[in-house]
Amino acid sequence: MIHLELKELFQFRYNTILGYTEYISLVDEPVVWTPVTDRVLNTVTNYFISSGLPVWDRDVRRYIYSLDVPDYNPVQDYLHQLEGRWDGRDRIRALARCVPTDCSRQWTAWFHRWFLAMVAQWQGRDRLYGNAIVPLLISPQGMRKSTFCRALLPPELRSWGYSDNLSLADERKVHLAMSQLLLINLDEFNRISTHKQSGLLKNLVQLPTVMIQRPYARHIEEAPRMASFIATTNMSQVLADISGSRRFIGVQLTGTIRIPRRIDYEQLYAQAVDELARGTRYWFTDAETKRVMKHNERFQIPSDAEAYFLEHFTVPTGKDEGEWLSAAAIIEHIKSCAHSSFQAPSVAKMGRILSHIPDLEHRHTSSGERYRVCPVSLIPSPFPQP
């Protein structure tokens, strides 16, 4: 009886992404889907009681929080209605070209790949890997970076699926946000510590699923990750982790972003749905990743060891210049010059740093890796040449 009465007055659905039941009134205007709260439950119960029906609040609650209420996935619903509707015009790359940069061709191709990966993440196409690429918009303030990020989602999804103020302090809340949000803007990326860049964030962006505990839930569950990441910053040198730079697409703006007055979201996302359905690649190949890392070198924060190296060595330009030294020899040379001010890294870490010095040649020998360098200070090396 209560089921029939409720269905005449209200419509309910369980939002599988946000994890709560929503309702609309069939007799009131405007028709807006709203989360069911205790106040709503009490109001519905009071209505039945005032109508003379012998209904308890537990009866209403039992129905609303049962499998009788159908599931609803707002993202799948939005994307499903776009299937087969793309008119063939490339709107994803056109949107990327609204961002003025000195690497427009690369940025346009990389943004297109990332955009497809974002939609593929929503569709759950890959349960083994998450969308581990993060576009990083770099410019002084006032160039509409944050506005551009917000404009990437259509209004229907943006109202609940976008955030630009997520704190990384509480990892549990971050995991929950990644299961519910669609796009997370790491605004003012330069404020993220180098420790979090190389640790927490490096792990987060590659997760395919997250472990969450929903509010008032009694257990922890594994949920699909929905969110992709984008980032903005006012500083040029912000990437602290050399190996982690492969996960970012740094783009230096040369002017203010020209956001269209009207974005045709239906066609924008219909293009993504169509291309993914036809098997268009949404992941970066190893070759593309290497190009991204090379591109990101100018946004790298020099480590102390790298700064000392550049102070005491130069990269040879001539064919016969320089000498071949090991990472250990280079460390000892810097120690001899800088004395106690140099906090020497391990030989392995120094090798990783040297491997990312632009244009620095290296080769493998029977006694290990060697690097062709020109010492600035002529202090004899304690290590023999190979």
Protein backbone atom coordinates (compact mmCIF):
# COMPACT_ATOMS: atom_id res chain seq x y z
CA MET A 1 0.00 0.00 0.00
CA ILE A 2 2.71 2.47 0.96
CA HIS A 3 4.56 1.69 -2.25
CA LEU A 4 1.60 2.76 -4.36
CA GLU A 5 0.97 5.89 -2.34
CA LEU A 6 4.60 6.94 -2.52
CA LYS A 7 4.80 6.39 -6.27
CA GLU A 8 1.79 8.63 -6.82
CA LEU A 9 3.45 11.51 -4.97
CA PHE A 10 7.19 11.00 -5.39
CA GLN A 11 9.72 9.39 -7.63
CA PHE A 12 12.85 7.90 -6.09
CA ARG A 13 16.16 6.71 -7.49
CA TYR A 14 19.45 5.59 -5.96
CA ASN A 15 22.42 7.60 -7.25
CA THR A 16 25.14 4.94 -7.55
CA ILE A 17 27.96 7.48 -7.89
CA LEU A 18 27.07 9.82 -5.05
CA GLY A 19 25.81 6.97 -2.88
CA TYR A 20 22.42 8.26 -1.78
CA THR A 21 18.74 8.12 -2.69
CA GLU A 22 17.23 11.12 -4.50
CA TYR A 23 13.62 12.12 -5.01
CA ILE A 24 11.37 14.51 -6.91
CA SER A 25 7.85 15.56 -6.03
CA LEU A 26 5.30 14.72 -8.71
CA VAL A 27 2.90 17.37 -7.48
CA ASP A 28 5.19 20.35 -6.83
CA GLU A 29 7.19 22.65 -9.11
CA PRO A 30 9.98 22.92 -10.04
CA VAL A 31 10.94 19.32 -10.58
CA VAL A 32 14.44 19.04 -9.06
CA TRP A 33 16.09 15.85 -7.91
CA THR A 34 17.04 16.28 -4.24
CA PRO A 35 18.84 13.98 -1.77
CA VAL A 36 16.57 12.20 0.71
CA THR A 37 17.32 13.44 4.24
CA ASP A 38 15.81 12.74 7.63
CA ARG A 39 13.68 15.86 7.24
CA VAL A 40 12.31 14.53 3.96
CA LEU A 41 11.55 11.14 5.53
CA ASN A 42 9.75 12.77 8.46
CA THR A 43 7.78 15.06 6.11
CA VAL A 44 6.62 12.10 4.02
CA THR A 45 5.66 10.16 7.14
CA ASN A 46 3.73 13.13 8.54
CA TYR A 47 1.85 13.44 5.25
CA PHE A 48 0.63 9.85 5.43
CA ILE A 49 -0.31 10.15 9.10
CA SER A 50 -2.29 13.34 8.43
CA SER A 51 -4.04 11.51 5.57
CA GLY A 52 -5.25 8.85 7.98
CA LEU A 53 -2.96 6.08 6.78
CA PRO A 54 -1.50 3.81 9.50
CA VAL A 55 2.14 4.35 8.44
CA TRP A 56 5.24 4.45 10.62
CA ASP A 57 8.46 6.22 9.72
CA ARG A 58 10.22 2.83 9.60
CA ASP A 59 7.83 1.78 6.81
CA VAL A 60 8.81 4.77 4.69
CA ARG A 61 12.50 4.26 5.44
CA ARG A 62 12.33 0.54 4.66
CA TYR A 63 10.98 1.23 1.18
CA ILE A 64 13.22 4.17 0.29
CA TYR A 65 16.38 2.32 1.29
CA SER A 66 15.47 -0.94 -0.41
CA LEU A 67 16.26 -2.52 -3.78
CA ASP A 68 12.73 -1.55 -4.85
CA VAL A 69 14.20 1.88 -5.63
CA PRO A 70 15.94 1.71 -9.04
CA ASP A 71 19.63 2.52 -9.49
CA TYR A 72 20.64 5.61 -11.42
CA ASN A 73 24.09 6.48 -12.77
CA PRO A 74 24.10 10.15 -13.87
CA VAL A 75 27.28 9.81 -15.95
CA GLN A 76 26.23 6.68 -17.83
CA ASP A 77 22.82 8.26 -18.41
CA TYR A 78 24.41 11.43 -19.83
CA LEU A 79 26.85 9.59 -22.10
CA HIS A 80 24.32 6.99 -23.27
CA GLN A 81 22.05 9.63 -24.79
CA LEU A 82 24.98 10.89 -26.90
CA GLU A 83 25.71 7.58 -28.64
CA GLY A 84 25.62 7.87 -32.42
CA ARG A 85 24.97 11.62 -32.38
CA TRP A 86 28.41 13.05 -33.26
CA ASP A 87 28.32 15.19 -36.42
CA GLY A 88 32.00 14.55 -37.24
CA ARG A 89 33.43 17.97 -36.34
CA ASP A 90 36.51 17.87 -34.12
CA ARG A 91 35.49 19.91 -31.09
CA ILE A 92 37.97 18.43 -28.60
CA ARG A 93 41.04 19.74 -30.41
CA ALA A 94 39.22 23.00 -31.13
CA LEU A 95 38.70 23.45 -27.39
CA ALA A 96 42.38 22.74 -26.76
CA ARG A 97 43.33 25.47 -29.24
CA CYS A 98 41.58 28.01 -27.00
CA VAL A 99 44.66 27.73 -24.79
CA PRO A 100 47.43 29.89 -26.36
CA THR A 101 50.82 28.24 -25.96
CA ASP A 102 54.17 27.97 -27.70
CA CYS A 103 53.67 24.21 -28.18
CA SER A 104 50.20 24.34 -29.71
CA ARG A 105 50.53 21.27 -31.93
CA GLN A 106 51.79 19.02 -29.14
CA TRP A 107 49.34 20.40 -26.60
CA THR A 108 46.35 19.90 -28.91
CA ALA A 109 47.23 16.25 -29.55
CA TRP A 110 48.00 15.53 -25.90
CA PHE A 111 44.82 17.27 -24.65
CA HIS A 112 42.75 15.21 -27.07
CA ARG A 113 44.32 12.00 -25.75
CA TRP A 114 43.75 13.10 -22.13
CA PHE A 115 40.13 14.11 -22.79
CA LEU A 116 39.36 10.66 -24.23
CA ALA A 117 41.06 9.09 -21.20
CA MET A 118 38.85 11.15 -18.89
CA VAL A 119 35.66 9.92 -20.56
CA ALA A 120 37.02 6.37 -20.72
CA GLN A 121 37.57 6.61 -16.96
CA TRP A 122 33.90 7.51 -16.48
CA GLN A 123 32.85 4.59 -18.65
CA GLY A 124 35.00 2.16 -16.69
CA ARG A 125 36.80 0.93 -19.78
CA ASP A 126 39.99 0.01 -17.94
CA ARG A 127 39.89 -1.63 -14.51
CA LEU A 128 43.67 -2.13 -14.37
CA TYR A 129 44.89 1.41 -14.96
CA GLY A 130 43.57 4.86 -14.07
CA ASN A 131 43.94 8.03 -16.11
CA ALA A 132 47.44 8.89 -14.89
CA ILE A 133 47.98 12.00 -17.03
CA VAL A 134 47.42 15.49 -15.58
CA PRO A 135 47.38 18.61 -17.80
CA LEU A 136 49.23 21.41 -15.97
CA LEU A 137 48.34 24.96 -17.06
CA ILE A 138 51.12 27.44 -16.22
CA SER A 139 50.79 31.24 -16.37
CA PRO A 140 50.57 34.36 -14.21
CA GLN A 141 47.24 35.04 -12.52
CA GLY A 142 44.26 36.33 -14.43
CA MET A 143 44.59 34.22 -17.60
CA ARG A 144 41.41 32.20 -16.95
CA LYS A 145 43.09 28.88 -16.21
CA SER A 146 40.61 27.89 -13.50
CA THR A 147 37.67 29.08 -15.60
CA PHE A 148 38.84 26.87 -18.47
CA CYS A 149 39.13 23.84 -16.17
CA ARG A 150 35.63 24.41 -14.81
CA ALA A 151 34.23 24.83 -18.32
CA LEU A 152 35.39 21.35 -19.36
CA LEU A 153 32.34 19.76 -17.74
CA PRO A 154 28.76 20.36 -18.91
CA PRO A 155 26.48 22.10 -16.37
CA GLU A 156 24.57 18.86 -15.69
CA LEU A 157 27.74 17.20 -14.43
CA ARG A 158 29.68 20.22 -13.21
CA SER A 159 27.27 21.11 -10.39
CA TRP A 160 28.34 18.03 -8.43
CA GLY A 161 31.23 16.51 -10.39
CA TYR A 162 33.86 19.28 -10.28
CA SER A 163 36.11 20.51 -7.49
CA ASP A 164 38.99 22.95 -7.32
CA ASN A 165 39.45 23.05 -3.55
CA LEU A 166 40.21 19.44 -2.64
CA SER A 167 42.76 19.10 0.15
CA LEU A 168 45.23 16.24 -0.04
CA ALA A 169 45.67 16.25 3.74
CA ASP A 170 43.15 13.45 4.38
CA GLU A 171 43.75 10.52 2.04
CA ARG A 172 40.42 8.87 2.93
CA LYS A 173 38.49 11.96 1.85
CA VAL A 174 40.55 12.15 -1.34
CA HIS A 175 39.65 8.53 -2.17
CA LEU A 176 35.97 9.25 -1.57
CA ALA A 177 36.18 12.33 -3.81
CA MET A 178 37.84 10.27 -6.55
CA SER A 179 34.90 7.85 -6.47
CA GLN A 180 32.28 10.63 -6.75
CA LEU A 181 33.79 13.56 -8.64
CA LEU A 182 34.52 13.58 -12.35
CA LEU A 183 37.24 16.22 -12.60
CA ILE A 184 39.51 17.50 -9.84
CA ASN A 185 41.47 20.69 -10.43
CA LEU A 186 44.65 20.80 -8.36
CA ASP A 187 44.52 24.58 -8.20
CA GLU A 188 47.74 26.37 -7.20
CA PHE A 189 49.71 23.20 -7.81
CA ASN A 190 52.91 24.85 -6.58
CA ARG A 191 51.54 24.66 -3.02
CA ILE A 192 51.71 20.86 -3.07
CA SER A 193 54.90 19.87 -1.27
CA THR A 194 57.62 17.98 -3.09
CA HIS A 195 57.08 15.11 -0.65
CA LYS A 196 53.40 14.79 -1.59
CA GLN A 197 54.20 15.14 -5.29
CA SER A 198 56.57 12.18 -5.23
CA GLY A 199 54.49 10.14 -2.78
CA LEU A 200 50.75 10.55 -2.32
CA LEU A 201 49.91 12.33 -5.58
CA LYS A 202 52.10 10.04 -7.66
CA ASN A 203 50.12 7.09 -6.33
CA LEU A 204 46.68 8.72 -6.52
CA VAL A 205 46.75 9.62 -10.22
CA GLN A 206 47.42 6.04 -11.31
CA LEU A 207 44.79 4.27 -9.17
CA PRO A 208 42.06 2.42 -11.14
CA THR A 209 39.92 1.85 -8.03
CA VAL A 210 39.77 3.35 -4.54
CA MET A 211 38.91 2.01 -1.10
CA ILE A 212 36.21 4.16 0.49
CA GLN A 213 33.87 4.29 3.45
CA ARG A 214 30.73 6.21 2.64
CA PRO A 215 29.18 8.48 5.30
CA TYR A 216 27.30 6.41 7.92
CA ALA A 217 28.42 3.17 6.26
CA ARG A 218 29.73 0.38 8.47
CA HIS A 219 32.20 -1.12 6.05
CA ILE A 220 34.93 -0.19 3.59
CA GLU A 221 34.27 -0.98 -0.04
CA GLU A 222 36.23 -0.93 -3.27
CA ALA A 223 34.76 1.58 -5.71
CA PRO A 224 35.63 2.48 -9.30
CA ARG A 225 37.66 5.64 -9.58
CA MET A 226 35.73 8.26 -11.55
CA ALA A 227 37.83 11.43 -11.28
CA SER A 228 40.57 12.61 -13.59
CA PHE A 229 42.94 15.39 -12.62
CA ILE A 230 43.95 18.73 -14.10
CA ALA A 231 46.16 21.36 -12.46
CA THR A 232 46.99 25.07 -12.57
CA THR A 233 49.90 27.09 -11.23
CA ASN A 234 51.47 30.53 -11.43
CA MET A 235 55.04 29.20 -11.25
CA SER A 236 57.08 27.69 -14.06
CA GLN A 237 59.30 25.30 -12.12
CA VAL A 238 56.90 23.13 -10.13
CA LEU A 239 57.62 19.47 -10.93
CA ALA A 240 59.66 18.04 -8.08
CA ASP A 241 59.83 14.34 -8.95
CA ILE A 242 61.87 13.50 -12.05
CA SER A 243 60.18 10.16 -12.65
CA GLY A 244 56.79 11.68 -11.79
CA SER A 245 57.00 14.28 -14.55
CA ARG A 246 55.81 11.62 -17.00
CA ARG A 247 52.34 12.04 -15.50
CA PHE A 248 51.99 15.73 -16.32
CA ILE A 249 51.44 17.71 -19.50
CA GLY A 250 53.03 21.06 -18.70
CA VAL A 251 51.84 23.89 -20.91
CA GLN A 252 53.12 27.46 -20.61
CA LEU A 253 50.42 29.93 -21.61
CA THR A 254 51.40 32.79 -23.90
CA GLY A 255 48.17 34.73 -23.40
CA THR A 256 44.71 34.67 -21.87
CA ILE A 257 42.60 31.58 -22.58
CA ARG A 258 39.82 32.33 -25.06
CA ILE A 259 36.85 30.40 -23.71
CA PRO A 260 33.94 30.22 -26.19
CA ARG A 261 30.73 31.93 -25.13
CA ARG A 262 28.87 28.75 -25.88
CA ILE A 263 30.40 25.28 -25.78
CA ASP A 264 28.40 22.60 -27.55
CA TYR A 265 28.80 20.02 -24.81
CA GLU A 266 26.57 17.47 -26.47
CA GLN A 267 28.77 17.37 -29.55
CA LEU A 268 31.97 17.68 -27.52
CA TYR A 269 31.17 14.57 -25.50
CA ALA A 270 29.41 12.81 -28.39
CA GLN A 271 32.77 12.98 -30.17
CA ALA A 272 34.53 11.33 -27.24
CA VAL A 273 31.86 8.63 -26.95
CA ASP A 274 32.03 7.92 -30.69
CA GLU A 275 35.82 7.81 -30.88
CA LEU A 276 36.08 5.52 -27.88
CA ALA A 277 33.42 3.22 -29.33
CA ARG A 278 35.48 3.00 -32.53
CA GLY A 279 38.59 2.03 -30.58
CA THR A 280 40.51 5.30 -30.70
CA ARG A 281 43.51 5.07 -28.38
CA TYR A 282 43.11 6.97 -25.11
CA TRP A 283 46.42 6.05 -23.46
CA PHE A 284 49.93 7.38 -24.05
CA THR A 285 52.52 5.13 -25.71
CA ASP A 286 56.05 4.80 -24.34
CA ALA A 287 57.33 7.03 -27.15
CA GLU A 288 54.73 9.71 -26.34
CA THR A 289 55.59 9.48 -22.65
CA LYS A 290 59.26 10.09 -23.43
CA ARG A 291 58.35 13.16 -25.47
CA VAL A 292 56.17 14.43 -22.61
CA MET A 293 59.04 13.96 -20.14
CA LYS A 294 61.44 15.77 -22.45
CA HIS A 295 58.91 18.56 -22.86
CA ASN A 296 58.49 18.85 -19.08
CA GLU A 297 62.20 19.33 -18.34
CA ARG A 298 61.83 23.10 -18.30
CA PHE A 299 59.19 22.85 -15.56
CA GLN A 300 61.37 20.68 -13.32
CA ILE A 301 62.53 21.97 -9.93
CA PRO A 302 66.30 21.41 -9.82
CA SER A 303 67.28 19.17 -6.91
CA ASP A 304 70.15 20.22 -4.67
CA ALA A 305 72.35 17.55 -6.21
CA GLU A 306 71.46 18.75 -9.73
CA ALA A 307 72.20 22.36 -8.75
CA TYR A 308 75.63 21.34 -7.39
CA PHE A 309 76.33 19.34 -10.54
CA LEU A 310 75.51 22.31 -12.79
CA GLU A 311 77.71 24.51 -10.63
CA HIS A 312 80.76 22.26 -10.84
CA PHE A 313 80.29 20.64 -14.26
CA THR A 314 79.25 21.65 -17.74
CA VAL A 315 77.84 19.49 -20.50
CA PRO A 316 80.40 19.18 -23.32
CA THR A 317 79.43 20.68 -26.64
CA GLY A 318 82.43 19.62 -28.69
CA LYS A 319 82.89 16.09 -29.96
CA ASP A 320 86.22 15.54 -28.19
CA GLU A 321 85.55 17.57 -25.06
CA GLY A 322 85.04 16.30 -21.52
CA GLU A 323 85.83 13.08 -19.72
CA TRP A 324 83.79 10.01 -18.91
CA LEU A 325 83.09 9.80 -15.17
CA SER A 326 80.90 7.55 -13.05
CA ALA A 327 78.19 8.91 -10.76
CA ALA A 328 80.42 8.08 -7.79
CA ALA A 329 83.32 10.04 -9.30
CA ILE A 330 81.06 13.01 -9.92
CA ILE A 331 79.85 12.92 -6.31
CA GLU A 332 83.45 12.84 -5.04
CA HIS A 333 84.42 15.72 -7.31
CA ILE A 334 81.57 17.87 -6.00
CA LYS A 335 82.49 16.93 -2.42
CA SER A 336 86.06 18.06 -3.03
CA CYS A 337 84.84 21.42 -4.31
CA ALA A 338 81.82 22.10 -2.07
CA HIS A 339 83.08 20.40 1.09
CA SER A 340 80.50 20.11 3.91
CA SER A 341 77.81 22.18 2.17
CA PHE A 342 77.06 19.30 -0.23
CA GLN A 343 74.68 16.65 1.10
CA ALA A 344 75.64 13.80 -1.19
CA PRO A 345 72.86 11.57 -2.52
CA SER A 346 73.32 7.86 -3.05
CA VAL A 347 75.15 6.79 -6.19
CA ALA A 348 71.90 5.30 -7.57
CA LYS A 349 69.97 8.54 -7.00
CA MET A 350 72.76 10.60 -8.53
CA GLY A 351 72.64 8.33 -11.56
CA ARG A 352 68.89 8.99 -11.96
CA ILE A 353 69.50 12.74 -11.68
CA LEU A 354 72.30 12.64 -14.28
CA SER A 355 70.16 10.62 -16.68
CA HIS A 356 67.71 13.54 -16.83
CA ILE A 357 70.29 16.32 -17.40
CA PRO A 358 69.51 17.71 -20.89
CA ASP A 359 72.02 16.67 -23.58
CA LEU A 360 74.28 14.84 -21.11
CA GLU A 361 75.75 11.79 -22.86
CA HIS A 362 76.12 8.52 -21.00
CA ARG A 363 77.23 5.03 -21.90
CA HIS A 364 77.36 1.64 -20.24
CA THR A 365 80.77 0.10 -19.57
CA SER A 366 81.95 -3.12 -17.93
CA SER A 367 82.40 -1.18 -14.67
CA GLY A 368 79.07 0.66 -14.80
CA GLU A 369 77.47 3.76 -16.28
CA ARG A 370 79.72 6.67 -17.33
CA TYR A 371 78.78 10.29 -18.12
CA ARG A 372 80.67 12.69 -20.41
CA VAL A 373 81.25 15.87 -18.42
CA CYS A 374 83.56 18.86 -18.19
CA PRO A 375 84.61 19.67 -14.62
CA VAL A 376 84.55 23.39 -13.95
CA SER A 377 87.10 23.05 -11.12
CA LEU A 378 90.18 21.16 -12.20
CA ILE A 379 90.51 18.74 -9.31
CA PRO A 380 91.89 15.35 -10.32
CA SER A 381 89.34 12.58 -10.21
CA PRO A 382 90.13 9.82 -7.67
CA PHE A 383 88.64 7.27 -10.05
CA PRO A 384 90.50 5.87 -13.11
CA GLN A 385 89.05 6.46 -16.57
CA PRO A 386 87.53 3.45 -18.32
